[in-house]
Amino acid sequence: MAPIEPNEIYTTAETQELLKVSPSTIKRLLKRGIIKANKVGGQYRILGREILRSVSQRVEKKAAKFYGRIKQKVKQQIKNW
């Protein structure tokens, strides 16, 4: 596999292949702003630096913190039932 070039522009299919995730996961990442992209002619175009940023440790810690908060909210909600 070729390395991700920071200044290269990738399609969602290419990004999906690079990150080894499903199409629905790519959509979710784009919708939540975890990966920033520009829409060109109805299709997303993603800069390589955004892909690299999304897999960095900082983003991973942020995601873990986010999911931890969600987990706590769900636990509290269940407890309140």
C-alpha atoms as a PDB file:
ATOM      1  CA  MET A   1       0.000   0.000   0.000  1.00  0.00           C
ATOM      2  CA  ALA A   2       1.270   3.463  -0.859  1.00  0.00           C
ATOM      3  CA  PRO A   3       1.765   5.928   2.001  1.00  0.00           C
ATOM      4  CA  ILE A   4      -0.819   8.657   2.500  1.00  0.00           C
ATOM      5  CA  GLU A   5       0.468  11.876   0.951  1.00  0.00           C
ATOM      6  CA  PRO A   6      -0.540  15.001   2.947  1.00  0.00           C
ATOM      7  CA  ASN A   7      -1.147  17.159  -0.145  1.00  0.00           C
ATOM      8  CA  GLU A   8      -2.854  14.466  -2.242  1.00  0.00           C
ATOM      9  CA  ILE A   9      -6.635  14.568  -2.762  1.00  0.00           C
ATOM     10  CA  TYR A  10      -8.556  11.334  -2.145  1.00  0.00           C
ATOM     11  CA  THR A  11     -12.107  10.198  -2.872  1.00  0.00           C
ATOM     12  CA  THR A  12     -14.257   8.582  -0.200  1.00  0.00           C
ATOM     13  CA  ALA A  13     -13.647   5.166  -1.793  1.00  0.00           C
ATOM     14  CA  GLU A  14      -9.879   5.670  -1.659  1.00  0.00           C
ATOM     15  CA  THR A  15     -10.089   6.900   1.930  1.00  0.00           C
ATOM     16  CA  GLN A  16     -12.242   3.922   2.833  1.00  0.00           C
ATOM     17  CA  GLU A  17      -9.624   1.600   1.379  1.00  0.00           C
ATOM     18  CA  LEU A  18      -6.749   3.395   3.129  1.00  0.00           C
ATOM     19  CA  LEU A  19      -8.458   3.304   6.527  1.00  0.00           C
ATOM     20  CA  LYS A  20      -9.966  -0.150   5.962  1.00  0.00           C
ATOM     21  CA  VAL A  21     -13.463   0.894   7.045  1.00  0.00           C
ATOM     22  CA  SER A  22     -16.941   0.427   5.611  1.00  0.00           C
ATOM     23  CA  PRO A  23     -18.783   2.988   3.460  1.00  0.00           C
ATOM     24  CA  SER A  24     -21.152   3.746   6.339  1.00  0.00           C
ATOM     25  CA  THR A  25     -18.206   4.459   8.645  1.00  0.00           C
ATOM     26  CA  ILE A  26     -16.738   6.934   6.134  1.00  0.00           C
ATOM     27  CA  LYS A  27     -20.122   8.681   5.937  1.00  0.00           C
ATOM     28  CA  ARG A  28     -20.321   8.834   9.715  1.00  0.00           C
ATOM     29  CA  LEU A  29     -16.765  10.216  10.015  1.00  0.00           C
ATOM     30  CA  LEU A  30     -17.564  12.915   7.453  1.00  0.00           C
ATOM     31  CA  LYS A  31     -20.927  13.778   9.013  1.00  0.00           C
ATOM     32  CA  ARG A  32     -19.432  14.148  12.499  1.00  0.00           C
ATOM     33  CA  GLY A  33     -16.512  16.196  11.214  1.00  0.00           C
ATOM     34  CA  ILE A  34     -13.874  13.718  12.319  1.00  0.00           C
ATOM     35  CA  ILE A  35     -12.589  13.822   8.758  1.00  0.00           C
ATOM     36  CA  LYS A  36     -13.030  17.177   7.054  1.00  0.00           C
ATOM     37  CA  ALA A  37     -13.777  17.167   3.338  1.00  0.00           C
ATOM     38  CA  ASN A  38     -14.968  19.386   0.515  1.00  0.00           C
ATOM     39  CA  LYS A  39     -17.873  18.490  -1.694  1.00  0.00           C
ATOM     40  CA  VAL A  40     -17.095  18.791  -5.402  1.00  0.00           C
ATOM     41  CA  GLY A  41     -19.790  17.947  -7.928  1.00  0.00           C
ATOM     42  CA  GLY A  42     -21.815  16.029  -5.342  1.00  0.00           C
ATOM     43  CA  GLN A  43     -18.847  13.932  -4.197  1.00  0.00           C
ATOM     44  CA  TYR A  44     -16.500  14.408  -1.268  1.00  0.00           C
ATOM     45  CA  ARG A  45     -12.803  15.083  -1.769  1.00  0.00           C
ATOM     46  CA  ILE A  46     -10.509  14.559   1.211  1.00  0.00           C
ATOM     47  CA  LEU A  47      -7.003  15.935   1.674  1.00  0.00           C
ATOM     48  CA  GLY A  48      -4.384  13.430   2.758  1.00  0.00           C
ATOM     49  CA  ARG A  49      -3.500  15.559   5.777  1.00  0.00           C
ATOM     50  CA  GLU A  50      -7.090  15.178   7.024  1.00  0.00           C
ATOM     51  CA  ILE A  51      -6.791  11.397   6.805  1.00  0.00           C
ATOM     52  CA  LEU A  52      -3.480  11.501   8.654  1.00  0.00           C
ATOM     53  CA  ARG A  53      -4.941  13.843  11.279  1.00  0.00           C
ATOM     54  CA  SER A  54      -7.907  11.532  11.811  1.00  0.00           C
ATOM     55  CA  VAL A  55      -5.680   8.572  12.666  1.00  0.00           C
ATOM     56  CA  SER A  56      -3.353  10.509  14.962  1.00  0.00           C
ATOM     57  CA  GLN A  57      -3.123   9.649  18.641  1.00  0.00           C
ATOM     58  CA  ARG A  58      -4.623  12.994  19.632  1.00  0.00           C
ATOM     59  CA  VAL A  59      -7.793  12.309  17.657  1.00  0.00           C
ATOM     60  CA  GLU A  60      -7.911   8.753  18.972  1.00  0.00           C
ATOM     61  CA  LYS A  61      -7.800  10.046  22.568  1.00  0.00           C
ATOM     62  CA  LYS A  62     -10.501  12.597  21.765  1.00  0.00           C
ATOM     63  CA  ALA A  63     -12.722   9.864  20.286  1.00  0.00           C
ATOM     64  CA  ALA A  64     -12.146   7.593  23.301  1.00  0.00           C
ATOM     65  CA  LYS A  65     -13.108  10.449  25.628  1.00  0.00           C
ATOM     66  CA  PHE A  66     -16.221  11.168  23.541  1.00  0.00           C
ATOM     67  CA  TYR A  67     -17.361   7.530  23.576  1.00  0.00           C
ATOM     68  CA  GLY A  68     -16.602   7.325  27.300  1.00  0.00           C
ATOM     69  CA  ARG A  69     -18.985  10.230  27.927  1.00  0.00           C
ATOM     70  CA  ILE A  70     -21.667   8.587  25.794  1.00  0.00           C
ATOM     71  CA  LYS A  71     -21.205   5.325  27.696  1.00  0.00           C
ATOM     72  CA  GLN A  72     -21.640   7.126  31.021  1.00  0.00           C
ATOM     73  CA  LYS A  73     -24.794   8.867  29.784  1.00  0.00           C
ATOM     74  CA  VAL A  74     -26.259   5.561  28.621  1.00  0.00           C
ATOM     75  CA  LYS A  75     -25.426   3.903  31.948  1.00  0.00           C
ATOM     76  CA  GLN A  76     -27.080   6.783  33.810  1.00  0.00           C
ATOM     77  CA  GLN A  77     -30.124   6.614  31.554  1.00  0.00           C
ATOM     78  CA  ILE A  78     -30.488   2.868  32.162  1.00  0.00           C
ATOM     79  CA  LYS A  79     -30.031   3.375  35.898  1.00  0.00           C
ATOM     80  CA  ASN A  80     -32.827   5.985  35.893  1.00  0.00           C
ATOM     81  CA  TRP A  81     -35.268   3.553  34.272  1.00  0.00           C
END
